[in-house]
PDB file of N, CA and C in Angstrom:
ATOM      1  N   MET A   1      29.697 124.164  74.657  1.00  0.00           N
ATOM      2  CA  MET A   1      28.673 124.325  75.375  1.00  0.00           C
ATOM      3  C   MET A   1      29.150 124.430  76.882  1.00  0.00           C
ATOM      4  N   GLU A   2      29.863 123.053  77.541  1.00  0.00           N
ATOM      5  CA  GLU A   2      30.474 122.834  79.291  1.00  0.00           C
ATOM      6  C   GLU A   2      31.521 124.093  79.068  1.00  0.00           C
ATOM      7  N   PHE A   3      32.274 124.327  77.674  1.00  0.00           N
ATOM      8  CA  PHE A   3      33.407 125.576  77.603  1.00  0.00           C
ATOM      9  C   PHE A   3      32.974 127.235  78.249  1.00  0.00           C
ATOM     10  N   ASP A   4      31.283 126.972  77.412  1.00  0.00           N
ATOM     11  CA  ASP A   4      31.138 128.638  77.719  1.00  0.00           C
ATOM     12  C   ASP A   4      30.383 128.678  79.159  1.00  0.00           C
ATOM     13  N   GLN A   5      29.761 127.455  79.835  1.00  0.00           N
ATOM     14  CA  GLN A   5      28.978 127.402  80.878  1.00  0.00           C
ATOM     15  C   GLN A   5      30.712 127.572  82.073  1.00  0.00           C
ATOM     16  N   LYS A   6      31.667 127.548  81.863  1.00  0.00           N
ATOM     17  CA  LYS A   6      32.947 127.196  82.115  1.00  0.00           C
ATOM     18  C   LYS A   6      33.552 128.470  82.915  1.00  0.00           C
ATOM     19  N   LYS A   7      33.397 129.273  81.730  1.00  0.00           N
ATOM     20  CA  LYS A   7      33.874 130.608  81.849  1.00  0.00           C
ATOM     21  C   LYS A   7      33.124 131.032  81.952  1.00  0.00           C
ATOM     22  N   TYR A   8      31.344 131.280  81.675  1.00  0.00           N
ATOM     23  CA  TYR A   8      30.732 132.713  82.447  1.00  0.00           C
ATOM     24  C   TYR A   8      31.024 131.887  83.835  1.00  0.00           C
ATOM     25  N   GLU A   9      30.698 131.294  84.597  1.00  0.00           N
ATOM     26  CA  GLU A   9      31.140 130.469  85.840  1.00  0.00           C
ATOM     27  C   GLU A   9      32.563 131.552  86.823  1.00  0.00           C
ATOM     28  N   ARG A  10      33.877 131.735  86.014  1.00  0.00           N
ATOM     29  CA  ARG A  10      35.127 131.892  86.777  1.00  0.00           C
ATOM     30  C   ARG A  10      34.389 133.411  86.341  1.00  0.00           C
ATOM     31  N   VAL A  11      33.635 133.823  85.341  1.00  0.00           N
ATOM     32  CA  VAL A  11      34.167 135.736  85.445  1.00  0.00           C
ATOM     33  C   VAL A  11      32.886 135.928  85.916  1.00  0.00           C
ATOM     34  N   LYS A  12      31.767 135.334  86.311  1.00  0.00           N
ATOM     35  CA  LYS A  12      30.525 135.484  87.629  1.00  0.00           C
ATOM     36  C   LYS A  12      31.296 135.459  89.079  1.00  0.00           C
ATOM     37  N   LYS A  13      32.511 134.730  88.934  1.00  0.00           N
ATOM     38  CA  LYS A  13      32.557 135.036  90.105  1.00  0.00           C
ATOM     39  C   LYS A  13      33.994 135.826  90.406  1.00  0.00           C
ATOM     40  N   ARG A  14      34.939 136.320  88.997  1.00  0.00           N
ATOM     41  CA  ARG A  14      35.277 137.193  89.406  1.00  0.00           C
ATOM     42  C   ARG A  14      34.731 139.109  89.612  1.00  0.00           C
ATOM     43  N   ILE A  15      33.158 138.550  89.263  1.00  0.00           N
ATOM     44  CA  ILE A  15      32.760 140.069  88.871  1.00  0.00           C
ATOM     45  C   ILE A  15      32.295 139.776  90.741  1.00  0.00           C
ATOM     46  N   GLU A  16      31.743 138.681  91.670  1.00  0.00           N
ATOM     47  CA  GLU A  16      31.420 138.426  92.853  1.00  0.00           C
ATOM     48  C   GLU A  16      32.164 139.319  93.712  1.00  0.00           C
ATOM     49  N   ASP A  17      33.720 138.399  93.681  1.00  0.00           N
ATOM     50  CA  ASP A  17      34.899 138.987  94.544  1.00  0.00           C
ATOM     51  C   ASP A  17      35.098 140.436  93.740  1.00  0.00           C
ATOM     52  N   GLU A  18      35.147 140.923  93.064  1.00  0.00           N
ATOM     53  CA  GLU A  18      35.295 142.215  92.757  1.00  0.00           C
ATOM     54  C   GLU A  18      34.237 143.261  93.558  1.00  0.00           C
ATOM     55  N   LYS A  19      33.089 143.181  93.754  1.00  0.00           N
ATOM     56  CA  LYS A  19      32.080 143.811  94.737  1.00  0.00           C
ATOM     57  C   LYS A  19      32.947 143.654  95.945  1.00  0.00           C
ATOM     58  N   GLU A  20      33.392 142.646  96.259  1.00  0.00           N
ATOM     59  CA  GLU A  20      33.094 142.277  97.801  1.00  0.00           C
ATOM     60  C   GLU A  20      34.487 142.933  98.245  1.00  0.00           C
ATOM     61  N   TRP A  21      35.085 142.855  97.141  1.00  0.00           N
ATOM     62  CA  TRP A  21      36.437 144.264  97.526  1.00  0.00           C
ATOM     63  C   TRP A  21      35.516 145.631  97.560  1.00  0.00           C
ATOM     64  N   TYR A  22      34.839 145.914  97.138  1.00  0.00           N
ATOM     65  CA  TYR A  22      35.047 147.393  96.966  1.00  0.00           C
ATOM     66  C   TYR A  22      33.640 147.661  97.767  1.00  0.00           C
ATOM     67  N   THR A  23      32.895 145.872  98.646  1.00  0.00           N
ATOM     68  CA  THR A  23      31.894 146.573 100.027  1.00  0.00           C
ATOM     69  C   THR A  23      33.083 146.762 100.931  1.00  0.00           C
ATOM     70  N   HIS A  24      33.788 146.080 100.812  1.00  0.00           N
ATOM     71  CA  HIS A  24      35.406 145.746 101.958  1.00  0.00           C
ATOM     72  C   HIS A  24      35.622 147.156 102.463  1.00  0.00           C
ATOM     73  N   LEU A  25      36.482 147.845 100.557  1.00  0.00           N
ATOM     74  CA  LEU A  25      36.924 149.496 101.084  1.00  0.00           C
ATOM     75  C   LEU A  25      35.710 150.047 101.677  1.00  0.00           C
ATOM     76  N   SER A  26      34.608 149.917 101.171  1.00  0.00           N
ATOM     77  CA  SER A  26      33.301 151.209 101.243  1.00  0.00           C
ATOM     78  C   SER A  26      32.969 151.081 103.376  1.00  0.00           C
ATOM     79  N   ILE A  27      33.284 150.234 103.671  1.00  0.00           N
ATOM     80  CA  ILE A  27      33.124 150.043 105.159  1.00  0.00           C
ATOM     81  C   ILE A  27      33.995 150.350 105.927  1.00  0.00           C
ATOM     82  N   TYR A  28      35.627 149.729 105.196  1.00  0.00           N
ATOM     83  CA  TYR A  28      37.132 150.194 105.825  1.00  0.00           C
ATOM     84  C   TYR A  28      36.299 152.180 105.748  1.00  0.00           C
ATOM     85  N   ILE A  29      36.161 152.470 104.722  1.00  0.00           N
ATOM     86  CA  ILE A  29      36.557 154.227 105.037  1.00  0.00           C
ATOM     87  C   ILE A  29      35.590 154.378 106.018  1.00  0.00           C
ATOM     88  N   VAL A  30      34.031 154.139 105.436  1.00  0.00           N
ATOM     89  CA  VAL A  30      33.169 154.557 106.866  1.00  0.00           C
ATOM     90  C   VAL A  30      33.219 154.197 108.273  1.00  0.00           C
ATOM     91  N   ILE A  31      33.775 153.323 108.520  1.00  0.00           N
ATOM     92  CA  ILE A  31      34.560 152.270 109.984  1.00  0.00           C
ATOM     93  C   ILE A  31      35.293 153.609 110.658  1.00  0.00           C
ATOM     94  N   ASN A  32      36.317 153.766 109.537  1.00  0.00           N
ATOM     95  CA  ASN A  32      37.522 154.449 110.105  1.00  0.00           C
ATOM     96  C   ASN A  32      37.222 155.824 109.839  1.00  0.00           C
ATOM     97  N   THR A  33      36.141 155.996 109.236  1.00  0.00           N
ATOM     98  CA  THR A  33      36.187 158.144 109.259  1.00  0.00           C
ATOM     99  C   THR A  33      35.063 157.456 110.531  1.00  0.00           C
ATOM    100  N   LEU A  34      34.498 156.815 111.045  1.00  0.00           N
ATOM    101  CA  LEU A  34      33.121 157.498 112.317  1.00  0.00           C
ATOM    102  C   LEU A  34      34.868 157.242 113.701  1.00  0.00           C
ATOM    103  N   LEU A  35      35.391 156.295 113.272  1.00  0.00           N
ATOM    104  CA  LEU A  35      36.433 155.897 114.206  1.00  0.00           C
ATOM    105  C   LEU A  35      37.210 157.017 114.441  1.00  0.00           C
ATOM    106  N   GLN A  36      37.641 158.012 113.463  1.00  0.00           N
ATOM    107  CA  GLN A  36      38.719 159.225 113.740  1.00  0.00           C
ATOM    108  C   GLN A  36      37.633 160.367 114.375  1.00  0.00           C
ATOM    109  N   LEU A  37      36.935 160.124 114.082  1.00  0.00           N
ATOM    110  CA  LEU A  37      35.471 161.259 114.297  1.00  0.00           C
ATOM    111  C   LEU A  37      35.516 161.003 116.514  1.00  0.00           C
ATOM    112  N   PHE A  38      34.918 160.007 116.683  1.00  0.00           N
ATOM    113  CA  PHE A  38      35.188 159.728 117.770  1.00  0.00           C
ATOM    114  C   PHE A  38      36.518 160.153 118.269  1.00  0.00           C
ATOM    115  N   TYR A  39      37.983 159.214 117.771  1.00  0.00           N
ATOM    116  CA  TYR A  39      39.086 159.653 118.597  1.00  0.00           C
ATOM    117  C   TYR A  39      38.736 161.458 118.992  1.00  0.00           C
ATOM    118  N   ALA A  40      38.650 162.723 117.403  1.00  0.00           N
ATOM    119  CA  ALA A  40      38.083 163.724 117.653  1.00  0.00           C
ATOM    120  C   ALA A  40      37.827 164.048 119.247  1.00  0.00           C
ATOM    121  N   GLY A  41      36.584 163.436 119.861  1.00  0.00           N
ATOM    122  CA  GLY A  41      36.178 164.196 120.946  1.00  0.00           C
ATOM    123  C   GLY A  41      34.232 164.617 120.077  1.00  0.00           C
ATOM    124  N   VAL A  42      34.070 164.071 119.077  1.00  0.00           N
ATOM    125  CA  VAL A  42      33.189 164.549 118.448  1.00  0.00           C
ATOM    126  C   VAL A  42      32.046 164.559 118.567  1.00  0.00           C
ATOM    127  N   PHE A  43      31.752 162.654 119.649  1.00  0.00           N
ATOM    128  CA  PHE A  43      30.676 162.220 120.372  1.00  0.00           C
ATOM    129  C   PHE A  43      30.536 162.172 121.273  1.00  0.00           C
ATOM    130  N   ASP A  44      31.711 162.125 122.499  1.00  0.00           N
ATOM    131  CA  ASP A  44      31.986 162.415 123.835  1.00  0.00           C
ATOM    132  C   ASP A  44      32.230 163.551 124.028  1.00  0.00           C
ATOM    133  N   GLN A  45      32.817 164.667 123.912  1.00  0.00           N
ATOM    134  CA  GLN A  45      33.448 166.067 124.066  1.00  0.00           C
ATOM    135  C   GLN A  45      34.762 165.597 124.437  1.00  0.00           C
ATOM    136  N   GLY A  46      35.523 164.582 124.137  1.00  0.00           N
ATOM    137  CA  GLY A  46      36.444 164.162 124.646  1.00  0.00           C
ATOM    138  C   GLY A  46      36.772 163.070 125.891  1.00  0.00           C
ATOM    139  N   ARG A  47      35.248 162.953 126.474  1.00  0.00           N
ATOM    140  CA  ARG A  47      35.520 162.610 127.827  1.00  0.00           C
ATOM    141  C   ARG A  47      36.582 161.323 127.751  1.00  0.00           C
ATOM    142  N   ILE A  48      35.988 160.007 127.081  1.00  0.00           N
ATOM    143  CA  ILE A  48      36.783 159.112 126.858  1.00  0.00           C
ATOM    144  C   ILE A  48      38.172 159.105 126.064  1.00  0.00           C
ATOM    145  N   THR A  49      38.004 159.915 125.299  1.00  0.00           N
ATOM    146  CA  THR A  49      39.549 159.855 124.017  1.00  0.00           C
ATOM    147  C   THR A  49      40.954 160.783 124.448  1.00  0.00           C
ATOM    148  N   ASP A  50      40.525 161.646 125.965  1.00  0.00           N
ATOM    149  CA  ASP A  50      41.629 161.899 126.403  1.00  0.00           C
ATOM    150  C   ASP A  50      42.376 161.124 126.910  1.00  0.00           C
ATOM    151  N   TYR A  51      42.105 160.139 127.142  1.00  0.00           N
ATOM    152  CA  TYR A  51      43.404 158.977 127.602  1.00  0.00           C
ATOM    153  C   TYR A  51      43.551 158.376 127.149  1.00  0.00           C
ATOM    154  N   MET A  52      43.900 158.092 126.476  1.00  0.00           N
ATOM    155  CA  MET A  52      43.968 157.420 124.939  1.00  0.00           C
ATOM    156  C   MET A  52      45.197 157.868 124.338  1.00  0.00           C
ATOM    157  N   PRO A  53      47.117 156.994 123.998  1.00  0.00           N
ATOM    158  CA  PRO A  53      47.927 157.709 123.273  1.00  0.00           C
ATOM    159  C   PRO A  53      47.193 158.026 121.722  1.00  0.00           C
ATOM    160  N   TRP A  54      48.364 158.359 121.646  1.00  0.00           N
ATOM    161  CA  TRP A  54      48.064 159.022 120.406  1.00  0.00           C
ATOM    162  C   TRP A  54      48.171 158.138 118.990  1.00  0.00           C
ATOM    163  N   TRP A  55      49.146 156.802 119.149  1.00  0.00           N
ATOM    164  CA  TRP A  55      49.345 156.403 118.321  1.00  0.00           C
ATOM    165  C   TRP A  55      48.244 155.454 118.639  1.00  0.00           C
ATOM    166  N   VAL A  56      47.084 154.877 119.209  1.00  0.00           N
ATOM    167  CA  VAL A  56      45.851 154.466 119.018  1.00  0.00           C
ATOM    168  C   VAL A  56      45.239 154.468 118.065  1.00  0.00           C
ATOM    169  N   HIS A  57      44.858 155.548 117.776  1.00  0.00           N
ATOM    170  CA  HIS A  57      43.727 156.395 116.508  1.00  0.00           C
ATOM    171  C   HIS A  57      44.165 155.921 115.462  1.00  0.00           C
ATOM    172  N   PHE A  58      46.063 155.370 114.659  1.00  0.00           N
ATOM    173  CA  PHE A  58      46.329 154.746 113.890  1.00  0.00           C
ATOM    174  C   PHE A  58      46.230 153.148 113.529  1.00  0.00           C
ATOM    175  N   THR A  59      45.924 152.988 114.550  1.00  0.00           N
ATOM    176  CA  THR A  59      46.345 151.269 114.539  1.00  0.00           C
ATOM    177  C   THR A  59      45.062 150.232 114.155  1.00  0.00           C
ATOM    178  N   THR A  60      44.036 150.734 113.526  1.00  0.00           N
ATOM    179  CA  THR A  60      42.740 149.923 113.346  1.00  0.00           C
ATOM    180  C   THR A  60      42.854 150.678 111.873  1.00  0.00           C
ATOM    181  N   PRO A  61      42.886 151.689 111.589  1.00  0.00           N
ATOM    182  CA  PRO A  61      42.912 151.894 109.776  1.00  0.00           C
ATOM    183  C   PRO A  61      44.189 150.911 109.366  1.00  0.00           C
ATOM    184  N   PHE A  62      45.441 151.035 110.157  1.00  0.00           N
ATOM    185  CA  PHE A  62      47.046 150.632 109.321  1.00  0.00           C
ATOM    186  C   PHE A  62      46.730 148.910 109.207  1.00  0.00           C
ATOM    187  N   PHE A  63      46.109 148.181 110.298  1.00  0.00           N
ATOM    188  CA  PHE A  63      45.878 146.520 110.554  1.00  0.00           C
ATOM    189  C   PHE A  63      45.222 146.475 109.263  1.00  0.00           C
ATOM    190  N   TRP A  64      43.633 147.211 109.200  1.00  0.00           N
ATOM    191  CA  TRP A  64      42.259 146.844 108.563  1.00  0.00           C
ATOM    192  C   TRP A  64      43.368 147.283 107.153  1.00  0.00           C
ATOM    193  N   GLY A  65      44.026 148.311 106.990  1.00  0.00           N
ATOM    194  CA  GLY A  65      44.202 148.583 105.999  1.00  0.00           C
ATOM    195  C   GLY A  65      45.169 147.456 104.811  1.00  0.00           C
ATOM    196  N   ILE A  66      46.319 146.977 106.388  1.00  0.00           N
ATOM    197  CA  ILE A  66      47.045 145.616 105.082  1.00  0.00           C
ATOM    198  C   ILE A  66      45.803 144.674 104.724  1.00  0.00           C
ATOM    199  N   GLY A  67      45.162 144.353 105.381  1.00  0.00           N
ATOM    200  CA  GLY A  67      44.020 143.543 105.340  1.00  0.00           C
ATOM    201  C   GLY A  67      43.374 143.758 103.766  1.00  0.00           C
ATOM    202  N   LEU A  68      43.214 144.971 103.608  1.00  0.00           N
ATOM    203  CA  LEU A  68      42.110 145.749 102.814  1.00  0.00           C
ATOM    204  C   LEU A  68      43.406 145.257 101.784  1.00  0.00           C
ATOM    205  N   LEU A  69      44.693 145.524 101.600  1.00  0.00           N
ATOM    206  CA  LEU A  69      45.318 145.691 100.254  1.00  0.00           C
ATOM    207  C   LEU A  69      45.864 144.425  99.914  1.00  0.00           C
ATOM    208  N   GLY A  70      45.439 143.189 100.864  1.00  0.00           N
ATOM    209  CA  GLY A  70      45.758 142.045 100.803  1.00  0.00           C
ATOM    210  C   GLY A  70      44.787 141.479  99.937  1.00  0.00           C
ATOM    211  N   HIS A  71      43.207 141.814 100.160  1.00  0.00           N
ATOM    212  CA  HIS A  71      42.447 141.523  99.586  1.00  0.00           C
ATOM    213  C   HIS A  71      42.664 142.484  98.558  1.00  0.00           C
ATOM    214  N   TRP A  72      42.899 143.135  97.711  1.00  0.00           N
ATOM    215  CA  TRP A  72      42.965 143.925  96.558  1.00  0.00           C
ATOM    216  C   TRP A  72      44.186 142.796  95.538  1.00  0.00           C
ATOM    217  N   VAL A  73      45.356 142.125  96.243  1.00  0.00           N
ATOM    218  CA  VAL A  73      46.269 142.018  95.464  1.00  0.00           C
ATOM    219  C   VAL A  73      45.745 140.390  95.118  1.00  0.00           C
ATOM    220  N   TYR A  74      44.369 140.045  95.808  1.00  0.00           N
ATOM    221  CA  TYR A  74      43.935 138.065  96.209  1.00  0.00           C
ATOM    222  C   TYR A  74      43.583 138.814  95.159  1.00  0.00           C
ATOM    223  N   VAL A  75      42.085 139.859  94.819  1.00  0.00           N
ATOM    224  CA  VAL A  75      41.092 139.382  93.648  1.00  0.00           C
ATOM    225  C   VAL A  75      42.078 140.594  92.287  1.00  0.00           C
ATOM    226  N   PHE A  76      42.448 141.498  92.581  1.00  0.00           N
ATOM    227  CA  PHE A  76      42.604 142.269  91.733  1.00  0.00           C
ATOM    228  C   PHE A  76      44.186 141.831  90.349  1.00  0.00           C
ATOM    229  N   LYS A  77      45.124 141.080  91.162  1.00  0.00           N
ATOM    230  CA  LYS A  77      46.283 140.425  91.195  1.00  0.00           C
ATOM    231  C   LYS A  77      46.695 139.155  91.134  1.00  0.00           C
ATOM    232  N   GLY A  78      45.741 138.430  91.580  1.00  0.00           N
ATOM    233  CA  GLY A  78      45.957 136.699  92.089  1.00  0.00           C
ATOM    234  C   GLY A  78      45.649 136.496  90.984  1.00  0.00           C
ATOM    235  N   PHE A  79      45.027 136.348  89.415  1.00  0.00           N
ATOM    236  CA  PHE A  79      44.814 136.070  88.492  1.00  0.00           C
ATOM    237  C   PHE A  79      46.201 135.906  87.760  1.00  0.00           C
ATOM    238  N   ARG A  80      46.302 136.997  88.070  1.00  0.00           N
ATOM    239  CA  ARG A  80      48.464 136.949  87.240  1.00  0.00           C
ATOM    240  C   ARG A  80      49.224 136.362  87.721  1.00  0.00           C
ATOM    241  N   PHE A  81      48.997 136.135  88.897  1.00  0.00           N
ATOM    242  CA  PHE A  81      49.540 135.072  89.705  1.00  0.00           C
ATOM    243  C   PHE A  81      49.586 133.566  89.273  1.00  0.00           C
ATOM    244  N   ASN A  82      48.055 132.723  89.060  1.00  0.00           N
ATOM    245  CA  ASN A  82      47.741 132.078  88.854  1.00  0.00           C
ATOM    246  C   ASN A  82      48.366 131.257  87.699  1.00  0.00           C
ATOM    247  N   LYS A  83      48.254 132.513  86.945  1.00  0.00           N
ATOM    248  CA  LYS A  83      48.534 132.667  85.164  1.00  0.00           C
ATOM    249  C   LYS A  83      50.274 132.132  85.352  1.00  0.00           C
ATOM    250  N   PHE A  84      51.121 132.849  86.222  1.00  0.00           N
ATOM    251  CA  PHE A  84      52.475 132.517  86.453  1.00  0.00           C
ATOM    252  C   PHE A  84      52.942 130.953  86.443  1.00  0.00           C
ATOM    253  N   TYR A  85      51.501 130.757  87.502  1.00  0.00           N
ATOM    254  CA  TYR A  85      51.763 129.420  88.157  1.00  0.00           C
ATOM    255  C   TYR A  85      51.810 128.541  87.152  1.00  0.00           C
ATOM    256  N   LYS A  86      50.259 128.353  86.218  1.00  0.00           N
ATOM    257  CA  LYS A  86      49.856 127.798  85.361  1.00  0.00           C
ATOM    258  C   LYS A  86      50.997 127.363  84.574  1.00  0.00           C
ATOM    259  N   ASP A  87      51.579 128.867  84.212  1.00  0.00           N
ATOM    260  CA  ASP A  87      52.898 128.247  83.216  1.00  0.00           C
ATOM    261  C   ASP A  87      53.842 127.674  83.479  1.00  0.00           C
ATOM    262  N   TRP A  88      54.534 128.024  84.761  1.00  0.00           N
ATOM    263  CA  TRP A  88      55.734 127.268  85.505  1.00  0.00           C
ATOM    264  C   TRP A  88      54.798 125.864  85.814  1.00  0.00           C
ATOM    265  N   GLU A  89      53.376 125.159  85.721  1.00  0.00           N
ATOM    266  CA  GLU A  89      53.141 123.739  86.305  1.00  0.00           C
ATOM    267  C   GLU A  89      53.705 123.612  84.505  1.00  0.00           C
ATOM    268  N   GLN A  90      53.013 124.250  83.615  1.00  0.00           N
ATOM    269  CA  GLN A  90      53.019 123.281  82.424  1.00  0.00           C
ATOM    270  C   GLN A  90      54.602 123.050  81.627  1.00  0.00           C
ATOM    271  N   ARG A  91      55.543 124.026  82.087  1.00  0.00           N
ATOM    272  CA  ARG A  91      57.275 123.988  81.661  1.00  0.00           C
ATOM    273  C   ARG A  91      57.330 122.189  82.880  1.00  0.00           C
ATOM    274  N   LYS A  92      57.093 122.457  84.221  1.00  0.00           N
ATOM    275  CA  LYS A  92      57.232 121.219  84.811  1.00  0.00           C
ATOM    276  C   LYS A  92      57.178 120.182  84.199  1.00  0.00           C
ATOM    277  N   ILE A  93      56.202 119.932  84.075  1.00  0.00           N
ATOM    278  CA  ILE A  93      55.590 118.761  82.527  1.00  0.00           C
ATOM    279  C   ILE A  93      55.891 118.340  81.834  1.00  0.00           C
ATOM    280  N   LYS A  94      55.724 119.650  81.242  1.00  0.00           N
ATOM    281  CA  LYS A  94      56.768 119.169  79.735  1.00  0.00           C
ATOM    282  C   LYS A  94      58.428 119.022  80.385  1.00  0.00           C
ATOM    283  N   GLU A  95      59.089 119.322  81.128  1.00  0.00           N
ATOM    284  CA  GLU A  95      60.623 119.013  80.904  1.00  0.00           C
ATOM    285  C   GLU A  95      60.308 117.497  81.771  1.00  0.00           C
ATOM    286  N   PHE A  96      59.520 117.123  82.830  1.00  0.00           N
ATOM    287  CA  PHE A  96      59.431 116.595  83.757  1.00  0.00           C
ATOM    288  C   PHE A  96      59.678 114.532  82.035  1.00  0.00           C
ATOM    289  N   MET A  97      58.382 115.224  81.490  1.00  0.00           N
ATOM    290  CA  MET A  97      57.891 114.187  80.436  1.00  0.00           C
ATOM    291  C   MET A  97      59.040 114.167  79.077  1.00  0.00           C
ATOM    292  N   ASP A  98      59.364 114.898  79.242  1.00  0.00           N
ATOM    293  CA  ASP A  98      60.983 114.952  78.173  1.00  0.00           C
ATOM    294  C   ASP A  98      62.105 113.936  78.913  1.00  0.00           C
ATOM    295  N   LYS A  99      61.985 114.413  80.340  1.00  0.00           N
ATOM    296  CA  LYS A  99      62.929 113.547  80.885  1.00  0.00           C
ATOM    297  C   LYS A  99      62.597 112.136  80.552  1.00  0.00           C
ATOM    298  N   GLU A 100      60.988 111.905  81.394  1.00  0.00           N
ATOM    299  CA  GLU A 100      61.089 110.654  81.466  1.00  0.00           C
ATOM    300  C   GLU A 100      60.898 109.888  80.084  1.00  0.00           C
ATOM    301  N   GLU A 101      60.604 110.758  78.439  1.00  0.00           N
ATOM    302  CA  GLU A 101      61.449 109.749  77.376  1.00  0.00           C
ATOM    303  C   GLU A 101      62.370 109.589  77.224  1.00  0.00           C
ATOM    304  N   GLU A 102      63.268 110.611  77.770  1.00  0.00           N
ATOM    305  CA  GLU A 102      64.883 109.961  77.093  1.00  0.00           C
ATOM    306  C   GLU A 102      65.504 109.505  78.217  1.00  0.00           C
ATOM    307  N   GLU A 103      64.806 109.104  79.205  1.00  0.00           N
ATOM    308  CA  GLU A 103      64.882 107.778  80.210  1.00  0.00           C
ATOM    309  C   GLU A 103      64.605 106.688  79.560  1.00  0.00           C
ATOM    310  N   TYR A 104      63.520 106.099  78.984  1.00  0.00           N
ATOM    311  CA  TYR A 104      63.191 105.385  78.169  1.00  0.00           C
ATOM    312  C   TYR A 104      63.818 104.716  76.928  1.00  0.00           C
ATOM    313  N   ILE A 105      64.071 105.951  76.165  1.00  0.00           N
ATOM    314  CA  ILE A 105      64.661 105.608  75.460  1.00  0.00           C
ATOM    315  C   ILE A 105      66.243 105.365  75.612  1.00  0.00           C
ATOM    316  N   ILE A 106      66.867 105.846  76.404  1.00  0.00           N
ATOM    317  CA  ILE A 106      68.300 105.801  76.889  1.00  0.00           C
ATOM    318  C   ILE A 106      68.205 103.427  77.635  1.00  0.00           C
ATOM    319  N   HIS A 107      66.732 103.605  78.224  1.00  0.00           N
ATOM    320  CA  HIS A 107      66.926 102.721  79.152  1.00  0.00           C
ATOM    321  C   HIS A 107      66.454 101.234  78.132  1.00  0.00           C
ATOM    322  N   ASP A 108      65.758 101.860  76.648  1.00  0.00           N
ATOM    323  CA  ASP A 108      65.384 100.299  75.853  1.00  0.00           C
ATOM    324  C   ASP A 108      66.124 100.409  74.632  1.00  0.00           C
ATOM    325  N   THR A 109      67.343 101.043  74.438  1.00  0.00           N
ATOM    326  CA  THR A 109      68.100 100.956  73.822  1.00  0.00           C
ATOM    327  C   THR A 109      69.101 100.356  74.634  1.00  0.00           C
ATOM    328  N   ASN A 110      69.716 100.425  76.050  1.00  0.00           N
ATOM    329  CA  ASN A 110      70.001  99.417  76.431  1.00  0.00           C
ATOM    330  C   ASN A 110      69.717  98.161  76.634  1.00  0.00           C
ATOM    331  N   PHE A 111      68.408  98.071  76.708  1.00  0.00           N
ATOM    332  CA  PHE A 111      67.503  96.664  77.166  1.00  0.00           C
ATOM    333  C   PHE A 111      68.608  96.078  75.470  1.00  0.00           C
ATOM    334  N   LYS A 112      67.659  96.287  74.021  1.00  0.00           N
ATOM    335  CA  LYS A 112      67.873  96.523  73.365  1.00  0.00           C
ATOM    336  C   LYS A 112      69.214  95.768  72.595  1.00  0.00           C
ATOM    337  N   SER A 113      70.345  96.450  73.271  1.00  0.00           N
ATOM    338  CA  SER A 113      72.123  96.328  72.986  1.00  0.00           C
ATOM    339  C   SER A 113      72.344  95.006  74.334  1.00  0.00           C
ATOM    340  N   LYS A 114      71.450  94.302  75.124  1.00  0.00           N
ATOM    341  CA  LYS A 114      72.031  93.438  75.539  1.00  0.00           C
ATOM    342  C   LYS A 114      71.177  92.005  75.201  1.00  0.00           C
ATOM    343  N   LYS A 115      70.584  92.484  74.262  1.00  0.00           N
ATOM    344  CA  LYS A 115      69.988  91.007  73.940  1.00  0.00           C
ATOM    345  C   LYS A 115      70.643  90.482  72.639  1.00  0.00           C
TER     346      LYS A 115
END
């Protein structure tokens, strides 16, 4: 019963994360569309935007796009990274436990031989 509850909470969290990403994407598209229309002079007939360098038009979509990509990696690919990390962690735990057991056997053998 407890396992099912934890599983449900993990799935619910993942769905919430995906919804947040799609919301982020939607806002990105709307805001950047409005910005590009502004830069094109649709709202002010070019009075303000004529004085802006050409590269200003691309800074917001570019840097925000990097953030959006990072968010996507976290939401959709991050779970694979977590699985890799957990597998690595389990291998390291087993490795250290085997090493401890080996040292214990060597130490125990040396101790018995001295008696």
